């Protein structure tokens, strides 16, 4: 009678029989704490250059230097028994797979329901972020939207402030027009939006990002103090040039003279 181990390998030899009358053979489990090095079995300290090494010269106390950690009984099966075992194992595997698929489907359905509710509750905010994702070179707004949707986070006051501010800024930028003619000396009422210090070997200069009363972008780079961020100033300036930066029409001014604070 042909016999097989649990993995289906044909057994060659004389089996033993256990107390229940079932055939088995004994299998030696190799010790994992020693190795033959230069013809001598030694307790190994570790692996170096993909090879076990031992610098102690000690014999292995785990297996008594036999190389066998333990001997176990390995049940043997007829082809009919093995077929039944495999069929049962396949059935259990199919059942587990079906349960996992059902659980995954339920999880996906719950997430879809939660996402629908989240999108409905935050529709206006998410729609604004979507407009900001267009031409977002650094993908900042994409990452923010992805983070919110991953965990269905309620937008914080700071996040709402950032989005609202960027939407408003882009709306202004879209309508920004050039002011005056290059070389003109004119008076402007400017709202200082941001002052950026730039340090160099020649000292510190300041980039002033401003808006005139019509919302047009006006930029001044220099040392003159025309006001702090958030202030409104009346200045007499010379139009230096008209430029387009990141798609925004900007008027660059020079030699500003502060007249009064509006």
C-alpha atoms as a PDB file:
ATOM      1  CA  UNK A   1       0.000   0.000   0.000  1.00  0.00           C
ATOM      2  CA  UNK A   2       1.439   3.330  -1.058  1.00  0.00           C
ATOM      3  CA  UNK A   3       1.658   5.926   1.693  1.00  0.00           C
ATOM      4  CA  UNK A   4       2.210   9.699   1.627  1.00  0.00           C
ATOM      5  CA  UNK A   5       3.138  12.385   4.108  1.00  0.00           C
ATOM      6  CA  UNK A   6       0.831  15.340   4.639  1.00  0.00           C
ATOM      7  CA  UNK A   7       2.470  17.301   1.819  1.00  0.00           C
ATOM      8  CA  UNK A   8       1.828  14.490  -0.652  1.00  0.00           C
ATOM      9  CA  UNK A   9       5.365  13.153  -0.820  1.00  0.00           C
ATOM     10  CA  UNK A  10       5.572   9.406  -1.355  1.00  0.00           C
ATOM     11  CA  UNK A  11       6.941   7.550   1.668  1.00  0.00           C
ATOM     12  CA  UNK A  12       9.559   4.941   0.948  1.00  0.00           C
ATOM     13  CA  UNK A  13      10.356   2.626   3.821  1.00  0.00           C
ATOM     14  CA  UNK A  14       8.717   0.662   6.576  1.00  0.00           C
ATOM     15  CA  UNK A  15       6.224   2.694   8.589  1.00  0.00           C
ATOM     16  CA  UNK A  16       5.538   2.301  12.288  1.00  0.00           C
ATOM     17  CA  UNK A  17       2.041   2.031  13.695  1.00  0.00           C
ATOM     18  CA  UNK A  18       0.722   4.155  16.556  1.00  0.00           C
ATOM     19  CA  UNK A  19      -1.678   3.121  19.319  1.00  0.00           C
ATOM     20  CA  UNK A  20      -4.636   3.839  17.042  1.00  0.00           C
ATOM     21  CA  UNK A  21      -3.274   1.613  14.346  1.00  0.00           C
ATOM     22  CA  UNK A  22      -2.325   4.528  12.091  1.00  0.00           C
ATOM     23  CA  UNK A  23       0.956   4.448  10.143  1.00  0.00           C
ATOM     24  CA  UNK A  24       3.624   7.019  10.856  1.00  0.00           C
ATOM     25  CA  UNK A  25       7.319   7.635  10.562  1.00  0.00           C
ATOM     26  CA  UNK A  26       9.720   9.602  12.683  1.00  0.00           C
ATOM     27  CA  UNK A  27      11.309  12.758  11.303  1.00  0.00           C
ATOM     28  CA  UNK A  28      14.353  14.473  12.734  1.00  0.00           C
ATOM     29  CA  UNK A  29      14.103  18.265  13.081  1.00  0.00           C
ATOM     30  CA  UNK A  30      17.498  19.853  12.473  1.00  0.00           C
ATOM     31  CA  UNK A  31      18.948  22.055  15.183  1.00  0.00           C
ATOM     32  CA  UNK A  32      18.938  25.751  14.303  1.00  0.00           C
ATOM     33  CA  UNK A  33      21.587  26.729  16.863  1.00  0.00           C
ATOM     34  CA  UNK A  34      24.596  24.870  15.472  1.00  0.00           C
ATOM     35  CA  UNK A  35      26.310  24.253  12.172  1.00  0.00           C
ATOM     36  CA  UNK A  36      29.205  22.297  10.732  1.00  0.00           C
ATOM     37  CA  UNK A  37      32.073  24.741  10.275  1.00  0.00           C
ATOM     38  CA  UNK A  38      35.335  23.462   8.780  1.00  0.00           C
ATOM     39  CA  UNK A  39      34.286  19.903   9.514  1.00  0.00           C
ATOM     40  CA  UNK A  40      33.355  20.551  13.143  1.00  0.00           C
ATOM     41  CA  UNK A  41      29.852  21.073  14.515  1.00  0.00           C
ATOM     42  CA  UNK A  42      29.810  24.241  16.625  1.00  0.00           C
ATOM     43  CA  UNK A  43      27.320  26.504  18.327  1.00  0.00           C
ATOM     44  CA  UNK A  44      26.854  29.461  15.961  1.00  0.00           C
ATOM     45  CA  UNK A  45      26.964  33.098  17.067  1.00  0.00           C
ATOM     46  CA  UNK A  46      25.349  34.544  13.960  1.00  0.00           C
ATOM     47  CA  UNK A  47      25.516  35.008  10.200  1.00  0.00           C
ATOM     48  CA  UNK A  48      28.306  36.909   8.489  1.00  0.00           C
ATOM     49  CA  UNK A  49      28.610  37.242   4.700  1.00  0.00           C
ATOM     50  CA  UNK A  50      25.661  34.831   4.420  1.00  0.00           C
ATOM     51  CA  UNK A  51      27.592  32.156   6.333  1.00  0.00           C
ATOM     52  CA  UNK A  52      27.246  31.034   9.973  1.00  0.00           C
ATOM     53  CA  UNK A  53      30.205  31.771  12.213  1.00  0.00           C
ATOM     54  CA  UNK A  54      31.387  30.756  15.659  1.00  0.00           C
ATOM     55  CA  UNK A  55      34.295  32.355  17.500  1.00  0.00           C
ATOM     56  CA  UNK A  56      33.787  30.501  20.763  1.00  0.00           C
ATOM     57  CA  UNK A  57      34.588  26.918  19.748  1.00  0.00           C
ATOM     58  CA  UNK A  58      31.681  25.798  21.957  1.00  0.00           C
ATOM     59  CA  UNK A  59      29.646  22.727  21.200  1.00  0.00           C
ATOM     60  CA  UNK A  60      25.883  23.127  20.919  1.00  0.00           C
ATOM     61  CA  UNK A  61      24.050  22.648  24.215  1.00  0.00           C
ATOM     62  CA  UNK A  62      20.647  22.880  22.502  1.00  0.00           C
ATOM     63  CA  UNK A  63      20.976  19.537  20.714  1.00  0.00           C
ATOM     64  CA  UNK A  64      23.955  18.050  22.548  1.00  0.00           C
ATOM     65  CA  UNK A  65      25.963  18.640  19.389  1.00  0.00           C
ATOM     66  CA  UNK A  66      23.988  15.967  17.517  1.00  0.00           C
ATOM     67  CA  UNK A  67      22.550  18.374  14.963  1.00  0.00           C
ATOM     68  CA  UNK A  68      19.036  17.126  15.763  1.00  0.00           C
ATOM     69  CA  UNK A  69      16.845  19.395  17.843  1.00  0.00           C
ATOM     70  CA  UNK A  70      14.052  16.854  18.244  1.00  0.00           C
ATOM     71  CA  UNK A  71      12.364  13.885  16.610  1.00  0.00           C
ATOM     72  CA  UNK A  72       8.656  14.093  15.827  1.00  0.00           C
ATOM     73  CA  UNK A  73       6.066  11.609  14.626  1.00  0.00           C
ATOM     74  CA  UNK A  74       4.991  12.317  11.041  1.00  0.00           C
ATOM     75  CA  UNK A  75       1.610  10.758  10.229  1.00  0.00           C
ATOM     76  CA  UNK A  76       1.345   8.878   6.951  1.00  0.00           C
ATOM     77  CA  UNK A  77      -1.775   8.630   4.787  1.00  0.00           C
ATOM     78  CA  UNK A  78      -3.204   6.542   2.022  1.00  0.00           C
ATOM     79  CA  UNK A  79      -4.129   8.327  -1.213  1.00  0.00           C
ATOM     80  CA  UNK A  80      -7.830   8.194  -0.203  1.00  0.00           C
ATOM     81  CA  UNK A  81      -7.144   9.671   3.242  1.00  0.00           C
ATOM     82  CA  UNK A  82      -4.932  12.361   1.762  1.00  0.00           C
ATOM     83  CA  UNK A  83      -7.603  13.273  -0.798  1.00  0.00           C
ATOM     84  CA  UNK A  84     -10.193  13.646   1.983  1.00  0.00           C
ATOM     85  CA  UNK A  85      -7.814  15.773   4.058  1.00  0.00           C
ATOM     86  CA  UNK A  86      -7.032  18.001   1.083  1.00  0.00           C
ATOM     87  CA  UNK A  87     -10.716  18.327   0.224  1.00  0.00           C
ATOM     88  CA  UNK A  88     -11.507  19.356   3.801  1.00  0.00           C
ATOM     89  CA  UNK A  89      -8.601  21.801   3.820  1.00  0.00           C
ATOM     90  CA  UNK A  90      -9.756  23.301   0.512  1.00  0.00           C
ATOM     91  CA  UNK A  91     -13.282  23.624   1.873  1.00  0.00           C
ATOM     92  CA  UNK A  92     -12.014  25.423   4.979  1.00  0.00           C
ATOM     93  CA  UNK A  93      -9.834  27.682   2.832  1.00  0.00           C
ATOM     94  CA  UNK A  94     -12.787  28.501   0.570  1.00  0.00           C
ATOM     95  CA  UNK A  95     -14.906  29.259   3.622  1.00  0.00           C
ATOM     96  CA  UNK A  96     -12.228  31.550   5.059  1.00  0.00           C
ATOM     97  CA  UNK A  97     -11.814  33.265   1.710  1.00  0.00           C
ATOM     98  CA  UNK A  98     -15.584  33.801   1.402  1.00  0.00           C
ATOM     99  CA  UNK A  99     -15.700  35.206   4.927  1.00  0.00           C
ATOM    100  CA  UNK A 100     -12.769  37.523   4.196  1.00  0.00           C
ATOM    101  CA  UNK A 101     -14.405  38.682   0.961  1.00  0.00           C
ATOM    102  CA  UNK A 102     -17.691  39.307   2.743  1.00  0.00           C
ATOM    103  CA  UNK A 103     -15.932  41.236   5.500  1.00  0.00           C
ATOM    104  CA  UNK A 104     -14.015  43.288   2.926  1.00  0.00           C
ATOM    105  CA  UNK A 105     -17.221  44.019   1.000  1.00  0.00           C
ATOM    106  CA  UNK A 106     -19.004  45.063   4.196  1.00  0.00           C
ATOM    107  CA  UNK A 107     -16.075  47.283   5.160  1.00  0.00           C
ATOM    108  CA  UNK A 108     -16.038  48.866   1.701  1.00  0.00           C
ATOM    109  CA  UNK A 109     -19.794  49.431   1.858  1.00  0.00           C
ATOM    110  CA  UNK A 110     -19.544  51.030   5.306  1.00  0.00           C
ATOM    111  CA  UNK A 111     -16.727  53.249   4.107  1.00  0.00           C
ATOM    112  CA  UNK A 112     -18.680  54.253   1.006  1.00  0.00           C
ATOM    113  CA  UNK A 113     -21.661  55.170   3.190  1.00  0.00           C
ATOM    114  CA  UNK A 114     -19.437  57.152   5.552  1.00  0.00           C
ATOM    115  CA  UNK A 115     -17.744  58.920   2.631  1.00  0.00           C
ATOM    116  CA  UNK A 116     -21.088  59.853   1.069  1.00  0.00           C
ATOM    117  CA  UNK A 117     -22.227  61.330   4.383  1.00  0.00           C
ATOM    118  CA  UNK A 118     -18.901  63.130   4.845  1.00  0.00           C
ATOM    119  CA  UNK A 119     -18.970  64.615   1.344  1.00  0.00           C
ATOM    120  CA  UNK A 120     -22.538  65.777   1.845  1.00  0.00           C
ATOM    121  CA  UNK A 121     -21.716  67.420   5.184  1.00  0.00           C
ATOM    122  CA  UNK A 122     -18.599  69.147   3.786  1.00  0.00           C
ATOM    123  CA  UNK A 123     -19.638  69.640   0.148  1.00  0.00           C
ATOM    124  CA  UNK A 124     -18.857  73.369  -0.027  1.00  0.00           C
ATOM    125  CA  UNK A 125     -15.465  73.016   1.646  1.00  0.00           C
ATOM    126  CA  UNK A 126     -14.419  70.062  -0.541  1.00  0.00           C
ATOM    127  CA  UNK A 127     -15.602  71.848  -3.687  1.00  0.00           C
ATOM    128  CA  UNK A 128     -13.366  74.803  -2.827  1.00  0.00           C
ATOM    129  CA  UNK A 129     -10.388  72.511  -2.265  1.00  0.00           C
ATOM    130  CA  UNK A 130     -11.087  70.872  -5.636  1.00  0.00           C
ATOM    131  CA  UNK A 131     -10.748  74.244  -7.354  1.00  0.00           C
ATOM    132  CA  UNK A 132      -7.435  74.794  -5.582  1.00  0.00           C
ATOM    133  CA  UNK A 133      -6.075  71.417  -6.751  1.00  0.00           C
ATOM    134  CA  UNK A 134      -6.033  72.690 -10.345  1.00  0.00           C
ATOM    135  CA  UNK A 135      -2.485  73.695 -11.322  1.00  0.00           C
ATOM    136  CA  UNK A 136      -1.273  72.910  -7.804  1.00  0.00           C
ATOM    137  CA  UNK A 137       2.400  72.316  -8.583  1.00  0.00           C
ATOM    138  CA  UNK A 138       3.299  71.146  -5.061  1.00  0.00           C
ATOM    139  CA  UNK A 139       0.093  69.059  -4.661  1.00  0.00           C
ATOM    140  CA  UNK A 140      -0.492  70.687  -1.246  1.00  0.00           C
ATOM    141  CA  UNK A 141      -4.249  70.911  -1.683  1.00  0.00           C
ATOM    142  CA  UNK A 142      -4.433  67.387  -3.131  1.00  0.00           C
ATOM    143  CA  UNK A 143      -2.690  66.056  -0.022  1.00  0.00           C
ATOM    144  CA  UNK A 144      -5.020  68.005   2.263  1.00  0.00           C
ATOM    145  CA  UNK A 145      -8.111  66.642   0.495  1.00  0.00           C
ATOM    146  CA  UNK A 146      -6.705  63.083   0.552  1.00  0.00           C
ATOM    147  CA  UNK A 147      -5.932  63.337   4.275  1.00  0.00           C
ATOM    148  CA  UNK A 148      -9.418  64.572   5.095  1.00  0.00           C
ATOM    149  CA  UNK A 149     -11.086  61.858   3.004  1.00  0.00           C
ATOM    150  CA  UNK A 150      -8.850  59.107   4.395  1.00  0.00           C
ATOM    151  CA  UNK A 151     -10.038  59.659   7.948  1.00  0.00           C
ATOM    152  CA  UNK A 152     -13.224  61.699   7.361  1.00  0.00           C
ATOM    153  CA  UNK A 153     -11.795  64.439   9.544  1.00  0.00           C
ATOM    154  CA  UNK A 154     -13.881  67.454  10.380  1.00  0.00           C
ATOM    155  CA  UNK A 155     -12.049  70.465   8.863  1.00  0.00           C
ATOM    156  CA  UNK A 156     -10.359  72.550  11.533  1.00  0.00           C
ATOM    157  CA  UNK A 157     -10.856  76.295  11.823  1.00  0.00           C
ATOM    158  CA  UNK A 158      -7.286  76.783  10.561  1.00  0.00           C
ATOM    159  CA  UNK A 159      -7.886  74.586   7.513  1.00  0.00           C
ATOM    160  CA  UNK A 160     -11.068  76.450   6.681  1.00  0.00           C
ATOM    161  CA  UNK A 161      -9.211  79.746   7.058  1.00  0.00           C
ATOM    162  CA  UNK A 162      -6.421  78.564   4.720  1.00  0.00           C
ATOM    163  CA  UNK A 163      -8.834  77.380   2.041  1.00  0.00           C
ATOM    164  CA  UNK A 164     -11.021  80.480   2.225  1.00  0.00           C
ATOM    165  CA  UNK A 165      -7.942  82.695   2.071  1.00  0.00           C
ATOM    166  CA  UNK A 166      -6.487  80.903  -0.950  1.00  0.00           C
ATOM    167  CA  UNK A 167      -9.827  80.964  -2.790  1.00  0.00           C
ATOM    168  CA  UNK A 168     -10.133  84.702  -2.163  1.00  0.00           C
ATOM    169  CA  UNK A 169      -6.537  85.307  -3.246  1.00  0.00           C
ATOM    170  CA  UNK A 170      -6.993  83.387  -6.474  1.00  0.00           C
ATOM    171  CA  UNK A 171     -10.200  85.248  -7.195  1.00  0.00           C
ATOM    172  CA  UNK A 172      -8.300  88.535  -6.851  1.00  0.00           C
ATOM    173  CA  UNK A 173      -5.423  87.227  -8.949  1.00  0.00           C
ATOM    174  CA  UNK A 174      -7.791  86.250 -11.744  1.00  0.00           C
ATOM    175  CA  UNK A 175      -8.965  89.851 -12.093  1.00  0.00           C
ATOM    176  CA  UNK A 176      -5.606  91.544 -11.456  1.00  0.00           C
ATOM    177  CA  UNK A 177      -4.726  94.073 -14.180  1.00  0.00           C
ATOM    178  CA  UNK A 178      -1.635  96.176 -14.880  1.00  0.00           C
ATOM    179  CA  UNK A 179      -1.647  99.610 -13.271  1.00  0.00           C
ATOM    180  CA  UNK A 180      -0.528 102.719 -15.173  1.00  0.00           C
ATOM    181  CA  UNK A 181       2.187 102.846 -17.815  1.00  0.00           C
ATOM    182  CA  UNK A 182       5.844 101.981 -17.323  1.00  0.00           C
ATOM    183  CA  UNK A 183       7.662 105.174 -16.322  1.00  0.00           C
ATOM    184  CA  UNK A 184       4.529 106.893 -14.942  1.00  0.00           C
ATOM    185  CA  UNK A 185       4.697 108.608 -11.551  1.00  0.00           C
ATOM    186  CA  UNK A 186       1.352 108.054  -9.854  1.00  0.00           C
ATOM    187  CA  UNK A 187      -0.269 107.933  -6.441  1.00  0.00           C
ATOM    188  CA  UNK A 188      -1.610 104.598  -5.198  1.00  0.00           C
ATOM    189  CA  UNK A 189      -3.543 103.456  -2.156  1.00  0.00           C
ATOM    190  CA  UNK A 190      -2.020 100.109  -1.282  1.00  0.00           C
ATOM    191  CA  UNK A 191      -3.022  97.383   1.155  1.00  0.00           C
ATOM    192  CA  UNK A 192       0.132  95.617   2.296  1.00  0.00           C
ATOM    193  CA  UNK A 193      -0.615  91.875   2.237  1.00  0.00           C
ATOM    194  CA  UNK A 194       2.813  90.483   3.006  1.00  0.00           C
ATOM    195  CA  UNK A 195       6.364  91.695   3.643  1.00  0.00           C
ATOM    196  CA  UNK A 196       9.147  89.205   2.888  1.00  0.00           C
ATOM    197  CA  UNK A 197      12.689  90.021   4.128  1.00  0.00           C
ATOM    198  CA  UNK A 198      15.513  88.925   1.813  1.00  0.00           C
ATOM    199  CA  UNK A 199      19.003  88.764   3.336  1.00  0.00           C
ATOM    200  CA  UNK A 200      22.160  89.047   1.260  1.00  0.00           C
ATOM    201  CA  UNK A 201      25.780  90.167   1.607  1.00  0.00           C
ATOM    202  CA  UNK A 202      24.584  93.684   0.888  1.00  0.00           C
ATOM    203  CA  UNK A 203      22.065  93.724   3.721  1.00  0.00           C
ATOM    204  CA  UNK A 204      18.337  93.121   3.957  1.00  0.00           C
ATOM    205  CA  UNK A 205      15.797  94.165   1.378  1.00  0.00           C
ATOM    206  CA  UNK A 206      12.037  93.645   1.551  1.00  0.00           C
ATOM    207  CA  UNK A 207       9.574  92.294  -0.972  1.00  0.00           C
ATOM    208  CA  UNK A 208       6.217  93.979  -0.381  1.00  0.00           C
ATOM    209  CA  UNK A 209       3.218  92.189  -1.873  1.00  0.00           C
ATOM    210  CA  UNK A 210       0.342  94.648  -2.137  1.00  0.00           C
ATOM    211  CA  UNK A 211      -3.055  95.331  -3.690  1.00  0.00           C
ATOM    212  CA  UNK A 212      -4.361  98.630  -4.926  1.00  0.00           C
ATOM    213  CA  UNK A 213      -7.935  99.704  -4.202  1.00  0.00           C
ATOM    214  CA  UNK A 214      -9.132  97.801  -7.308  1.00  0.00           C
ATOM    215  CA  UNK A 215      -7.521  94.552  -6.184  1.00  0.00           C
ATOM    216  CA  UNK A 216      -4.652  94.677  -8.676  1.00  0.00           C
ATOM    217  CA  UNK A 217      -1.371  93.051  -7.595  1.00  0.00           C
ATOM    218  CA  UNK A 218       1.429  95.551  -6.929  1.00  0.00           C
ATOM    219  CA  UNK A 219       4.960  94.552  -5.888  1.00  0.00           C
ATOM    220  CA  UNK A 220       7.763  96.623  -4.404  1.00  0.00           C
ATOM    221  CA  UNK A 221      11.275  95.349  -3.629  1.00  0.00           C
ATOM    222  CA  UNK A 222      13.611  97.666  -1.757  1.00  0.00           C
ATOM    223  CA  UNK A 223      14.492  99.247   1.564  1.00  0.00           C
ATOM    224  CA  UNK A 224      11.794 101.906   1.846  1.00  0.00           C
ATOM    225  CA  UNK A 225       9.213 101.318   4.552  1.00  0.00           C
ATOM    226  CA  UNK A 226       5.766 101.584   2.992  1.00  0.00           C
ATOM    227  CA  UNK A 227       3.923  99.879   5.858  1.00  0.00           C
ATOM    228  CA  UNK A 228       3.525  96.616   7.720  1.00  0.00           C
ATOM    229  CA  UNK A 229       1.427  93.651   6.657  1.00  0.00           C
ATOM    230  CA  UNK A 230      -2.247  94.503   7.035  1.00  0.00           C
ATOM    231  CA  UNK A 231      -1.749  98.284   6.822  1.00  0.00           C
ATOM    232  CA  UNK A 232      -3.110 100.584   4.116  1.00  0.00           C
ATOM    233  CA  UNK A 233      -0.766 103.261   2.773  1.00  0.00           C
ATOM    234  CA  UNK A 234      -0.935 106.116   0.289  1.00  0.00           C
ATOM    235  CA  UNK A 235       2.269 106.282  -1.737  1.00  0.00           C
ATOM    236  CA  UNK A 236       3.644 108.135  -4.712  1.00  0.00           C
ATOM    237  CA  UNK A 237       5.524 105.673  -6.935  1.00  0.00           C
ATOM    238  CA  UNK A 238       7.153 105.172 -10.298  1.00  0.00           C
ATOM    239  CA  UNK A 239       5.912 102.279 -12.421  1.00  0.00           C
ATOM    240  CA  UNK A 240       9.027 100.153 -13.028  1.00  0.00           C
ATOM    241  CA  UNK A 241       7.600  97.314 -15.093  1.00  0.00           C
ATOM    242  CA  UNK A 242       4.636  95.057 -15.770  1.00  0.00           C
ATOM    243  CA  UNK A 243       5.236  91.326 -15.237  1.00  0.00           C
ATOM    244  CA  UNK A 244       3.303  88.097 -15.128  1.00  0.00           C
ATOM    245  CA  UNK A 245       4.219  85.816 -12.202  1.00  0.00           C
ATOM    246  CA  UNK A 246       2.516  82.436 -11.813  1.00  0.00           C
ATOM    247  CA  UNK A 247      -0.116  83.632 -14.262  1.00  0.00           C
ATOM    248  CA  UNK A 248      -0.883  86.803 -12.272  1.00  0.00           C
ATOM    249  CA  UNK A 249      -0.546  90.288 -13.776  1.00  0.00           C
ATOM    250  CA  UNK A 250       1.689  92.291 -11.454  1.00  0.00           C
ATOM    251  CA  UNK A 251       2.773  95.896 -11.465  1.00  0.00           C
ATOM    252  CA  UNK A 252       6.280  96.440 -10.110  1.00  0.00           C
ATOM    253  CA  UNK A 253       6.897  99.835  -8.535  1.00  0.00           C
ATOM    254  CA  UNK A 254      10.024 101.675  -7.412  1.00  0.00           C
ATOM    255  CA  UNK A 255      11.052 104.792  -5.465  1.00  0.00           C
ATOM    256  CA  UNK A 256       7.897 104.840  -3.301  1.00  0.00           C
ATOM    257  CA  UNK A 257       7.258 107.939  -1.220  1.00  0.00           C
ATOM    258  CA  UNK A 258       4.892 107.501   1.702  1.00  0.00           C
ATOM    259  CA  UNK A 259       2.268 110.244   1.633  1.00  0.00           C
ATOM    260  CA  UNK A 260      -0.105 109.234   4.372  1.00  0.00           C
ATOM    261  CA  UNK A 261      -1.754 106.236   5.936  1.00  0.00           C
ATOM    262  CA  UNK A 262      -5.302 105.794   4.743  1.00  0.00           C
END
